[in-house]
PDB file of N, CA and C in Angstrom:
ATOM      1  N   MET A   1       0.902  -1.012  -0.600  1.00  0.00           N
ATOM      2  CA  MET A   1       0.116  -0.259  -0.028  1.00  0.00           C
ATOM      3  C   MET A   1       0.880   1.060   0.058  1.00  0.00           C
ATOM      4  N   SER A   2       0.432   2.263  -1.057  1.00  0.00           N
ATOM      5  CA  SER A   2       1.355   3.543  -1.036  1.00  0.00           C
ATOM      6  C   SER A   2       0.895   4.504  -0.255  1.00  0.00           C
ATOM      7  N   LEU A   3       0.893   5.446   0.145  1.00  0.00           N
ATOM      8  CA  LEU A   3       0.348   6.447   1.106  1.00  0.00           C
ATOM      9  C   LEU A   3       0.935   7.745  -0.473  1.00  0.00           C
ATOM     10  N   ASP A   4       0.422   8.746  -1.059  1.00  0.00           N
ATOM     11  CA  ASP A   4       1.078  10.379  -0.755  1.00  0.00           C
ATOM     12  C   ASP A   4      -0.144  10.804  -0.614  1.00  0.00           C
ATOM     13  N   ALA A   5      -0.082  12.385  -0.677  1.00  0.00           N
ATOM     14  CA  ALA A   5      -0.116  13.192  -0.238  1.00  0.00           C
ATOM     15  C   ALA A   5      -1.889  14.107   0.078  1.00  0.00           C
ATOM     16  N   GLY A   6      -2.569  13.579  -1.858  1.00  0.00           N
ATOM     17  CA  GLY A   6      -3.871  13.386  -1.517  1.00  0.00           C
ATOM     18  C   GLY A   6      -4.543  12.743  -1.056  1.00  0.00           C
ATOM     19  N   THR A   7      -3.723  11.158  -0.455  1.00  0.00           N
ATOM     20  CA  THR A   7      -4.761   9.991   0.216  1.00  0.00           C
ATOM     21  C   THR A   7      -4.800   9.791   1.384  1.00  0.00           C
ATOM     22  N   ALA A   8      -3.897  10.704   1.369  1.00  0.00           N
ATOM     23  CA  ALA A   8      -3.617   9.928   3.172  1.00  0.00           C
ATOM     24  C   ALA A   8      -4.459  10.148   3.885  1.00  0.00           C
ATOM     25  N   ARG A   9      -4.814   9.351   4.980  1.00  0.00           N
ATOM     26  CA  ARG A   9      -5.828  10.126   6.127  1.00  0.00           C
ATOM     27  C   ARG A   9      -5.389   9.509   7.096  1.00  0.00           C
ATOM     28  N   VAL A  10      -5.759  10.161   8.566  1.00  0.00           N
ATOM     29  CA  VAL A  10      -5.454   9.507   9.919  1.00  0.00           C
ATOM     30  C   VAL A  10      -6.501   8.607   9.894  1.00  0.00           C
ATOM     31  N   PRO A  11      -6.154   7.194  10.108  1.00  0.00           N
ATOM     32  CA  PRO A  11      -7.393   6.127  10.964  1.00  0.00           C
ATOM     33  C   PRO A  11      -8.078   6.425  11.720  1.00  0.00           C
ATOM     34  N   ALA A  12      -9.488   5.179  11.598  1.00  0.00           N
ATOM     35  CA  ALA A  12      -9.490   5.349  12.392  1.00  0.00           C
ATOM     36  C   ALA A  12      -9.196   4.803  14.029  1.00  0.00           C
ATOM     37  N   ALA A  13      -9.577   5.950  15.071  1.00  0.00           N
ATOM     38  CA  ALA A  13      -9.298   5.201  16.570  1.00  0.00           C
ATOM     39  C   ALA A  13      -8.556   3.966  16.859  1.00  0.00           C
ATOM     40  N   PRO A  14     -10.188   3.015  16.514  1.00  0.00           N
ATOM     41  CA  PRO A  14      -9.364   1.546  16.815  1.00  0.00           C
ATOM     42  C   PRO A  14      -8.551   0.644  15.875  1.00  0.00           C
ATOM     43  N   ALA A  15      -7.992   1.207  15.311  1.00  0.00           N
ATOM     44  CA  ALA A  15      -6.547   1.243  14.333  1.00  0.00           C
ATOM     45  C   ALA A  15      -5.516   1.031  15.420  1.00  0.00           C
ATOM     46  N   LEU A  16      -5.234   2.529  16.014  1.00  0.00           N
ATOM     47  CA  LEU A  16      -3.998   2.991  16.544  1.00  0.00           C
ATOM     48  C   LEU A  16      -4.437   2.490  18.094  1.00  0.00           C
ATOM     49  N   LEU A  17      -5.656   2.203  18.686  1.00  0.00           N
ATOM     50  CA  LEU A  17      -5.535   1.642  19.987  1.00  0.00           C
ATOM     51  C   LEU A  17      -4.888   0.319  20.170  1.00  0.00           C
ATOM     52  N   GLY A  18      -3.942   0.909  21.253  1.00  0.00           N
ATOM     53  CA  GLY A  18      -2.817  -0.560  21.739  1.00  0.00           C
ATOM     54  C   GLY A  18      -2.117   0.253  21.371  1.00  0.00           C
ATOM     55  N   GLU A  19      -0.736  -1.342  21.679  1.00  0.00           N
ATOM     56  CA  GLU A  19       0.505  -1.125  21.744  1.00  0.00           C
ATOM     57  C   GLU A  19       0.975  -1.419  19.942  1.00  0.00           C
ATOM     58  N   ILE A  20       2.080   0.194  19.385  1.00  0.00           N
ATOM     59  CA  ILE A  20       2.346  -0.149  18.237  1.00  0.00           C
ATOM     60  C   ILE A  20       3.835  -0.429  17.955  1.00  0.00           C
ATOM     61  N   ILE A  21       4.347  -1.058  19.218  1.00  0.00           N
ATOM     62  CA  ILE A  21       6.520  -0.828  19.798  1.00  0.00           C
ATOM     63  C   ILE A  21       5.475  -2.805  19.370  1.00  0.00           C
ATOM     64  N   GLY A  22       6.768  -3.110  18.631  1.00  0.00           N
ATOM     65  CA  GLY A  22       6.870  -4.570  17.470  1.00  0.00           C
ATOM     66  C   GLY A  22       5.859  -4.643  15.915  1.00  0.00           C
ATOM     67  N   LEU A  23       5.581  -3.033  15.925  1.00  0.00           N
ATOM     68  CA  LEU A  23       4.419  -3.977  14.632  1.00  0.00           C
ATOM     69  C   LEU A  23       5.274  -3.424  13.254  1.00  0.00           C
ATOM     70  N   PRO A  24       5.276  -3.848  11.829  1.00  0.00           N
ATOM     71  CA  PRO A  24       6.379  -3.944  10.876  1.00  0.00           C
ATOM     72  C   PRO A  24       5.809  -2.593  10.317  1.00  0.00           C
ATOM     73  N   VAL A  25       6.269  -1.593  10.221  1.00  0.00           N
ATOM     74  CA  VAL A  25       6.085  -0.553   9.692  1.00  0.00           C
ATOM     75  C   VAL A  25       7.033  -0.160   8.311  1.00  0.00           C
ATOM     76  N   HIS A  26       6.466   0.578   7.048  1.00  0.00           N
ATOM     77  CA  HIS A  26       7.251   0.860   6.366  1.00  0.00           C
ATOM     78  C   HIS A  26       6.542   2.630   6.089  1.00  0.00           C
ATOM     79  N   ILE A  27       7.935   2.841   5.855  1.00  0.00           N
ATOM     80  CA  ILE A  27       7.451   4.306   5.597  1.00  0.00           C
ATOM     81  C   ILE A  27       8.012   5.183   4.776  1.00  0.00           C
ATOM     82  N   THR A  28       6.997   6.327   4.420  1.00  0.00           N
ATOM     83  CA  THR A  28       6.851   6.270   2.449  1.00  0.00           C
ATOM     84  C   THR A  28       7.887   7.746   2.555  1.00  0.00           C
ATOM     85  N   HIS A  29       7.772   8.405   3.870  1.00  0.00           N
ATOM     86  CA  HIS A  29       7.985   9.799   3.859  1.00  0.00           C
ATOM     87  C   HIS A  29       8.689  10.454   5.216  1.00  0.00           C
ATOM     88  N   ALA A  30       9.514  10.654   5.820  1.00  0.00           N
ATOM     89  CA  ALA A  30      10.069  11.654   6.340  1.00  0.00           C
ATOM     90  C   ALA A  30      10.714  13.004   6.685  1.00  0.00           C
ATOM     91  N   PRO A  31      10.876  14.188   7.269  1.00  0.00           N
ATOM     92  CA  PRO A  31      11.483  15.139   7.103  1.00  0.00           C
ATOM     93  C   PRO A  31      12.908  14.806   7.580  1.00  0.00           C
ATOM     94  N   GLY A  32      13.822  15.122   6.525  1.00  0.00           N
ATOM     95  CA  GLY A  32      15.345  14.938   6.787  1.00  0.00           C
ATOM     96  C   GLY A  32      16.027  13.049   6.713  1.00  0.00           C
ATOM     97  N   ILE A  33      14.786  12.262   6.243  1.00  0.00           N
ATOM     98  CA  ILE A  33      15.126  10.890   6.367  1.00  0.00           C
ATOM     99  C   ILE A  33      15.691  10.245   4.809  1.00  0.00           C
ATOM    100  N   ARG A  34      17.139   9.845   4.696  1.00  0.00           N
ATOM    101  CA  ARG A  34      17.600   9.418   3.961  1.00  0.00           C
ATOM    102  C   ARG A  34      18.527   7.740   3.975  1.00  0.00           C
ATOM    103  N   PRO A  35      17.369   7.027   3.402  1.00  0.00           N
ATOM    104  CA  PRO A  35      17.198   6.406   1.858  1.00  0.00           C
ATOM    105  C   PRO A  35      15.128   6.374   2.865  1.00  0.00           C
ATOM    106  N   LEU A  36      14.834   7.076   1.461  1.00  0.00           N
ATOM    107  CA  LEU A  36      13.199   6.368   1.575  1.00  0.00           C
ATOM    108  C   LEU A  36      12.952   5.539   0.343  1.00  0.00           C
ATOM    109  N   PRO A  37      12.005   4.765   0.621  1.00  0.00           N
ATOM    110  CA  PRO A  37      11.607   4.181   1.688  1.00  0.00           C
ATOM    111  C   PRO A  37      12.268   3.159   2.852  1.00  0.00           C
ATOM    112  N   LEU A  38      11.628   3.132   4.481  1.00  0.00           N
ATOM    113  CA  LEU A  38      12.140   2.494   5.474  1.00  0.00           C
ATOM    114  C   LEU A  38      11.573   1.512   5.646  1.00  0.00           C
ATOM    115  N   ASP A  39      12.441   0.678   5.456  1.00  0.00           N
ATOM    116  CA  ASP A  39      10.996  -0.730   6.912  1.00  0.00           C
ATOM    117  C   ASP A  39      11.619  -0.987   7.222  1.00  0.00           C
ATOM    118  N   GLY A  40      11.100  -1.089   8.532  1.00  0.00           N
ATOM    119  CA  GLY A  40      11.455  -2.370   9.520  1.00  0.00           C
ATOM    120  C   GLY A  40      10.387  -2.601  10.550  1.00  0.00           C
ATOM    121  N   VAL A  41      10.663  -2.615  11.941  1.00  0.00           N
ATOM    122  CA  VAL A  41      10.108  -2.761  13.050  1.00  0.00           C
ATOM    123  C   VAL A  41      10.196  -1.576  14.055  1.00  0.00           C
ATOM    124  N   ILE A  42       8.936  -1.427  14.951  1.00  0.00           N
ATOM    125  CA  ILE A  42       9.080  -0.378  16.082  1.00  0.00           C
ATOM    126  C   ILE A  42       9.386  -0.530  16.937  1.00  0.00           C
ATOM    127  N   ALA A  43      10.630  -0.709  17.281  1.00  0.00           N
ATOM    128  CA  ALA A  43      11.160  -0.572  18.442  1.00  0.00           C
ATOM    129  C   ALA A  43      11.271  -0.223  20.032  1.00  0.00           C
ATOM    130  N   ASP A  44      10.879   1.002  19.783  1.00  0.00           N
ATOM    131  CA  ASP A  44      10.605   2.345  20.866  1.00  0.00           C
ATOM    132  C   ASP A  44       9.910   3.320  20.135  1.00  0.00           C
ATOM    133  N   GLU A  45       9.322   4.032  21.134  1.00  0.00           N
ATOM    134  CA  GLU A  45       8.784   5.513  20.994  1.00  0.00           C
ATOM    135  C   GLU A  45       8.239   6.066  21.900  1.00  0.00           C
ATOM    136  N   THR A  46       8.723   7.604  21.548  1.00  0.00           N
ATOM    137  CA  THR A  46       9.073   8.723  22.163  1.00  0.00           C
ATOM    138  C   THR A  46       7.669   9.795  21.890  1.00  0.00           C
ATOM    139  N   LEU A  47       6.833  10.659  22.707  1.00  0.00           N
ATOM    140  CA  LEU A  47       6.569  11.705  22.060  1.00  0.00           C
ATOM    141  C   LEU A  47       6.346  11.907  21.176  1.00  0.00           C
ATOM    142  N   HIS A  48       7.724  12.207  20.495  1.00  0.00           N
ATOM    143  CA  HIS A  48       8.019  12.982  19.121  1.00  0.00           C
ATOM    144  C   HIS A  48       8.909  12.246  18.374  1.00  0.00           C
ATOM    145  N   THR A  49       9.241  10.729  18.770  1.00  0.00           N
ATOM    146  CA  THR A  49       9.883   9.591  17.863  1.00  0.00           C
ATOM    147  C   THR A  49       9.627   7.993  17.376  1.00  0.00           C
ATOM    148  N   LEU A  50       9.747   8.181  16.520  1.00  0.00           N
ATOM    149  CA  LEU A  50       9.973   6.046  16.609  1.00  0.00           C
ATOM    150  C   LEU A  50      11.425   5.243  16.218  1.00  0.00           C
ATOM    151  N   LEU A  51      11.511   4.633  16.811  1.00  0.00           N
ATOM    152  CA  LEU A  51      12.984   4.224  16.907  1.00  0.00           C
ATOM    153  C   LEU A  51      12.098   3.073  16.483  1.00  0.00           C
ATOM    154  N   ILE A  52      13.272   2.551  14.695  1.00  0.00           N
ATOM    155  CA  ILE A  52      13.088   1.876  13.724  1.00  0.00           C
ATOM    156  C   ILE A  52      13.983   0.937  14.050  1.00  0.00           C
ATOM    157  N   ARG A  53      13.628  -0.672  14.166  1.00  0.00           N
ATOM    158  CA  ARG A  53      15.327  -1.460  13.739  1.00  0.00           C
ATOM    159  C   ARG A  53      15.061  -2.531  12.449  1.00  0.00           C
ATOM    160  N   ARG A  54      16.039  -2.349  11.392  1.00  0.00           N
ATOM    161  CA  ARG A  54      16.002  -2.350  10.516  1.00  0.00           C
ATOM    162  C   ARG A  54      16.937  -3.474  10.372  1.00  0.00           C
ATOM    163  N   PRO A  55      15.897  -4.606   9.510  1.00  0.00           N
ATOM    164  CA  PRO A  55      16.286  -5.640   9.038  1.00  0.00           C
ATOM    165  C   PRO A  55      18.129  -5.621   8.545  1.00  0.00           C
ATOM    166  N   GLY A  56      18.877  -5.943   9.165  1.00  0.00           N
ATOM    167  CA  GLY A  56      20.186  -6.618   8.949  1.00  0.00           C
ATOM    168  C   GLY A  56      21.114  -5.045   9.465  1.00  0.00           C
ATOM    169  N   ALA A  57      20.612  -4.330  10.024  1.00  0.00           N
ATOM    170  CA  ALA A  57      21.423  -3.067  10.539  1.00  0.00           C
ATOM    171  C   ALA A  57      21.498  -3.565  12.231  1.00  0.00           C
ATOM    172  N   SER A  58      22.504  -2.781  12.202  1.00  0.00           N
ATOM    173  CA  SER A  58      22.759  -2.967  13.860  1.00  0.00           C
ATOM    174  C   SER A  58      22.395  -1.772  15.128  1.00  0.00           C
ATOM    175  N   ARG A  59      22.196  -0.343  14.091  1.00  0.00           N
ATOM    176  CA  ARG A  59      21.598   1.049  15.058  1.00  0.00           C
ATOM    177  C   ARG A  59      20.600   0.841  14.686  1.00  0.00           C
ATOM    178  N   LEU A  60      19.711   1.388  16.018  1.00  0.00           N
ATOM    179  CA  LEU A  60      18.031   1.604  15.296  1.00  0.00           C
ATOM    180  C   LEU A  60      18.386   2.790  14.883  1.00  0.00           C
ATOM    181  N   ARG A  61      17.671   3.368  13.984  1.00  0.00           N
ATOM    182  CA  ARG A  61      16.965   4.521  13.247  1.00  0.00           C
ATOM    183  C   ARG A  61      15.926   5.233  14.139  1.00  0.00           C
ATOM    184  N   ARG A  62      16.150   6.514  14.245  1.00  0.00           N
ATOM    185  CA  ARG A  62      15.417   7.841  14.821  1.00  0.00           C
ATOM    186  C   ARG A  62      14.565   8.145  13.841  1.00  0.00           C
ATOM    187  N   VAL A  63      13.228   8.225  13.811  1.00  0.00           N
ATOM    188  CA  VAL A  63      12.480   8.961  13.067  1.00  0.00           C
ATOM    189  C   VAL A  63      11.519   9.578  13.521  1.00  0.00           C
ATOM    190  N   PRO A  64      11.494  11.456  13.162  1.00  0.00           N
ATOM    191  CA  PRO A  64      10.257  11.899  13.592  1.00  0.00           C
ATOM    192  C   PRO A  64       9.363  12.117  13.195  1.00  0.00           C
ATOM    193  N   LYS A  65       8.119  12.114  14.265  1.00  0.00           N
ATOM    194  CA  LYS A  65       6.577  11.853  14.360  1.00  0.00           C
ATOM    195  C   LYS A  65       5.708  13.023  12.640  1.00  0.00           C
ATOM    196  N   ASN A  66       6.735  14.176  13.602  1.00  0.00           N
ATOM    197  CA  ASN A  66       5.874  15.198  12.617  1.00  0.00           C
ATOM    198  C   ASN A  66       6.289  14.912  11.350  1.00  0.00           C
ATOM    199  N   GLY A  67       5.524  14.788  10.148  1.00  0.00           N
ATOM    200  CA  GLY A  67       5.937  14.593   8.819  1.00  0.00           C
ATOM    201  C   GLY A  67       5.453  13.610   8.366  1.00  0.00           C
ATOM    202  N   LEU A  68       5.554  12.561   9.197  1.00  0.00           N
ATOM    203  CA  LEU A  68       5.567  11.192   9.012  1.00  0.00           C
ATOM    204  C   LEU A  68       4.199  10.721   8.028  1.00  0.00           C
ATOM    205  N   ARG A  69       4.890   9.917   6.778  1.00  0.00           N
ATOM    206  CA  ARG A  69       4.395   9.619   6.443  1.00  0.00           C
ATOM    207  C   ARG A  69       4.444   7.628   6.129  1.00  0.00           C
ATOM    208  N   ALA A  70       3.051   6.646   6.762  1.00  0.00           N
ATOM    209  CA  ALA A  70       4.049   5.670   6.876  1.00  0.00           C
ATOM    210  C   ALA A  70       2.277   4.591   6.479  1.00  0.00           C
ATOM    211  N   VAL A  71       2.892   3.171   6.620  1.00  0.00           N
ATOM    212  CA  VAL A  71       1.845   2.081   6.724  1.00  0.00           C
ATOM    213  C   VAL A  71       2.405   1.159   7.700  1.00  0.00           C
ATOM    214  N   LEU A  72       1.540   1.124   8.698  1.00  0.00           N
ATOM    215  CA  LEU A  72       1.891  -0.145   9.632  1.00  0.00           C
ATOM    216  C   LEU A  72       1.120  -1.576   9.501  1.00  0.00           C
ATOM    217  N   VAL A  73       1.630  -2.879  10.087  1.00  0.00           N
ATOM    218  CA  VAL A  73       0.470  -3.540   9.677  1.00  0.00           C
ATOM    219  C   VAL A  73       0.266  -4.394  10.985  1.00  0.00           C
ATOM    220  N   LYS A  74      -0.785  -4.419  11.601  1.00  0.00           N
ATOM    221  CA  LYS A  74      -1.470  -4.372  12.584  1.00  0.00           C
ATOM    222  C   LYS A  74      -2.530  -5.732  12.180  1.00  0.00           C
ATOM    223  N   ASP A  75      -2.127  -6.717  12.791  1.00  0.00           N
ATOM    224  CA  ASP A  75      -2.925  -7.691  12.698  1.00  0.00           C
ATOM    225  C   ASP A  75      -3.443  -8.431  11.373  1.00  0.00           C
ATOM    226  N   GLY A  76      -2.820  -8.624  10.415  1.00  0.00           N
ATOM    227  CA  GLY A  76      -2.630  -8.383   9.228  1.00  0.00           C
ATOM    228  C   GLY A  76      -3.353  -7.744   8.430  1.00  0.00           C
ATOM    229  N   ASP A  77      -3.649  -6.399   8.635  1.00  0.00           N
ATOM    230  CA  ASP A  77      -4.201  -5.413   8.405  1.00  0.00           C
ATOM    231  C   ASP A  77      -2.930  -4.126   7.815  1.00  0.00           C
ATOM    232  N   GLU A  78      -3.241  -3.567   6.719  1.00  0.00           N
ATOM    233  CA  GLU A  78      -1.975  -2.224   6.609  1.00  0.00           C
ATOM    234  C   GLU A  78      -3.118  -1.088   6.674  1.00  0.00           C
ATOM    235  N   VAL A  79      -1.931   0.084   7.493  1.00  0.00           N
ATOM    236  CA  VAL A  79      -3.077   0.959   8.329  1.00  0.00           C
ATOM    237  C   VAL A  79      -2.415   1.884   8.094  1.00  0.00           C
ATOM    238  N   PRO A  80      -2.491   2.875   7.099  1.00  0.00           N
ATOM    239  CA  PRO A  80      -2.155   4.059   6.895  1.00  0.00           C
ATOM    240  C   PRO A  80      -1.837   5.291   7.646  1.00  0.00           C
ATOM    241  N   VAL A  81      -0.693   5.795   8.493  1.00  0.00           N
ATOM    242  CA  VAL A  81      -1.379   6.547   9.131  1.00  0.00           C
ATOM    243  C   VAL A  81       0.018   7.918   8.669  1.00  0.00           C
ATOM    244  N   LEU A  82      -0.431   9.174   9.693  1.00  0.00           N
ATOM    245  CA  LEU A  82       0.612  10.368   9.221  1.00  0.00           C
ATOM    246  C   LEU A  82       1.002  10.482  10.503  1.00  0.00           C
ATOM    247  N   GLY A  83       2.479  10.948  10.812  1.00  0.00           N
ATOM    248  CA  GLY A  83       2.784  11.113  12.118  1.00  0.00           C
ATOM    249  C   GLY A  83       2.415  11.924  12.546  1.00  0.00           C
ATOM    250  N   GLU A  84       1.218  12.642  12.661  1.00  0.00           N
ATOM    251  CA  GLU A  84       0.818  13.843  13.848  1.00  0.00           C
ATOM    252  C   GLU A  84      -0.443  12.512  14.659  1.00  0.00           C
ATOM    253  N   ALA A  85      -0.961  11.742  13.818  1.00  0.00           N
ATOM    254  CA  ALA A  85      -2.002  10.613  14.759  1.00  0.00           C
ATOM    255  C   ALA A  85      -1.143  10.057  15.595  1.00  0.00           C
ATOM    256  N   LEU A  86      -0.209  10.032  15.508  1.00  0.00           N
ATOM    257  CA  LEU A  86       1.083   9.429  16.349  1.00  0.00           C
ATOM    258  C   LEU A  86       1.508  10.026  17.685  1.00  0.00           C
ATOM    259  N   ARG A  87       1.656  11.742  17.370  1.00  0.00           N
ATOM    260  CA  ARG A  87       2.459  11.973  17.997  1.00  0.00           C
ATOM    261  C   ARG A  87       1.662  12.902  19.646  1.00  0.00           C
ATOM    262  N   VAL A  88       1.669  11.656  20.355  1.00  0.00           N
ATOM    263  CA  VAL A  88       0.927  11.465  21.670  1.00  0.00           C
ATOM    264  C   VAL A  88       1.465  10.935  22.549  1.00  0.00           C
ATOM    265  N   ARG A  89       1.658  11.067  23.941  1.00  0.00           N
ATOM    266  CA  ARG A  89       2.362  10.183  24.759  1.00  0.00           C
ATOM    267  C   ARG A  89       2.023   8.373  24.518  1.00  0.00           C
ATOM    268  N   PRO A  90       2.469   7.412  24.177  1.00  0.00           N
ATOM    269  CA  PRO A  90       2.584   6.324  24.401  1.00  0.00           C
ATOM    270  C   PRO A  90       1.201   5.625  25.399  1.00  0.00           C
ATOM    271  N   GLU A  91       1.605   6.071  26.320  1.00  0.00           N
ATOM    272  CA  GLU A  91       1.301   5.868  27.501  1.00  0.00           C
ATOM    273  C   GLU A  91      -0.777   6.289  27.742  1.00  0.00           C
ATOM    274  N   ASP A  92      -0.824   7.483  27.085  1.00  0.00           N
ATOM    275  CA  ASP A  92      -1.763   8.185  27.093  1.00  0.00           C
ATOM    276  C   ASP A  92      -2.240   8.044  25.571  1.00  0.00           C
ATOM    277  N   ARG A  93      -2.164   6.676  24.372  1.00  0.00           N
ATOM    278  CA  ARG A  93      -2.993   7.489  23.307  1.00  0.00           C
ATOM    279  C   ARG A  93      -4.451   6.441  23.430  1.00  0.00           C
ATOM    280  N   THR A  94      -4.540   5.474  23.682  1.00  0.00           N
ATOM    281  CA  THR A  94      -5.286   4.476  24.162  1.00  0.00           C
ATOM    282  C   THR A  94      -7.104   5.175  24.836  1.00  0.00           C
ATOM    283  N   LYS A  95      -5.852   6.668  25.949  1.00  0.00           N
ATOM    284  CA  LYS A  95      -7.479   7.358  26.465  1.00  0.00           C
ATOM    285  C   LYS A  95      -7.350   7.886  25.753  1.00  0.00           C
ATOM    286  N   LEU A  96      -6.630   8.838  24.764  1.00  0.00           N
ATOM    287  CA  LEU A  96      -6.964   9.851  24.213  1.00  0.00           C
ATOM    288  C   LEU A  96      -7.991   9.699  22.483  1.00  0.00           C
ATOM    289  N   LEU A  97      -7.701   8.219  22.433  1.00  0.00           N
ATOM    290  CA  LEU A  97      -8.521   7.701  21.300  1.00  0.00           C
ATOM    291  C   LEU A  97      -9.737   7.522  21.485  1.00  0.00           C
ATOM    292  N   ALA A  98      -9.945   6.620  22.588  1.00  0.00           N
ATOM    293  CA  ALA A  98     -10.773   5.839  23.358  1.00  0.00           C
ATOM    294  C   ALA A  98     -12.075   6.603  22.922  1.00  0.00           C
ATOM    295  N   LEU A  99     -11.190   7.853  24.490  1.00  0.00           N
ATOM    296  CA  LEU A  99     -12.552   9.061  24.692  1.00  0.00           C
ATOM    297  C   LEU A  99     -12.619   9.825  23.346  1.00  0.00           C
ATOM    298  N   GLY A 100     -11.948  10.109  22.622  1.00  0.00           N
ATOM    299  CA  GLY A 100     -12.471  10.816  21.113  1.00  0.00           C
ATOM    300  C   GLY A 100     -11.948  12.687  21.394  1.00  0.00           C
ATOM    301  N   GLY A 101     -10.643  12.846  22.528  1.00  0.00           N
ATOM    302  CA  GLY A 101     -10.286  13.879  22.019  1.00  0.00           C
ATOM    303  C   GLY A 101      -9.302  13.794  23.007  1.00  0.00           C
ATOM    304  N   ARG A 102      -8.241  15.103  22.285  1.00  0.00           N
ATOM    305  CA  ARG A 102      -6.771  15.552  23.548  1.00  0.00           C
ATOM    306  C   ARG A 102      -7.006  15.767  24.651  1.00  0.00           C
ATOM    307  N   ARG A 103      -8.205  16.437  25.201  1.00  0.00           N
ATOM    308  CA  ARG A 103      -8.075  16.793  26.701  1.00  0.00           C
ATOM    309  C   ARG A 103      -9.145  16.175  27.385  1.00  0.00           C
ATOM    310  N   ARG A 104     -10.480  15.487  26.785  1.00  0.00           N
ATOM    311  CA  ARG A 104     -11.637  14.533  27.151  1.00  0.00           C
ATOM    312  C   ARG A 104     -11.388  13.479  28.528  1.00  0.00           C
ATOM    313  N   PHE A 105     -10.064  13.554  28.803  1.00  0.00           N
ATOM    314  CA  PHE A 105      -9.582  12.219  29.234  1.00  0.00           C
ATOM    315  C   PHE A 105      -9.430  12.638  30.664  1.00  0.00           C
ATOM    316  N   ARG A 106      -9.330  13.814  31.016  1.00  0.00           N
ATOM    317  CA  ARG A 106      -8.596  14.551  32.363  1.00  0.00           C
ATOM    318  C   ARG A 106      -9.889  14.767  32.985  1.00  0.00           C
TER     319      ARG A 106
END
């Protein structure tokens, strides 16, 4: 599955609920990252970045979430995502998406 600027959408909340660490990822656009596309597995995440473990590489690649376009493979389904949809603390993502907004869980 490919993403381009005209068709990329923020996925529905159920697609991003739960843990994304350990999911395969195909990154098609990320500012300042070369070469692209970048394939791997999400090894860790912070508020602003993803750490990607690439096959055959000994080092992790830090990729900013801002401006990111990628495809996650979750439960056998390809889920297109924009980095802005992931720009939340990992521990708060499920609360925020399940309740439908940034501030509603307080």
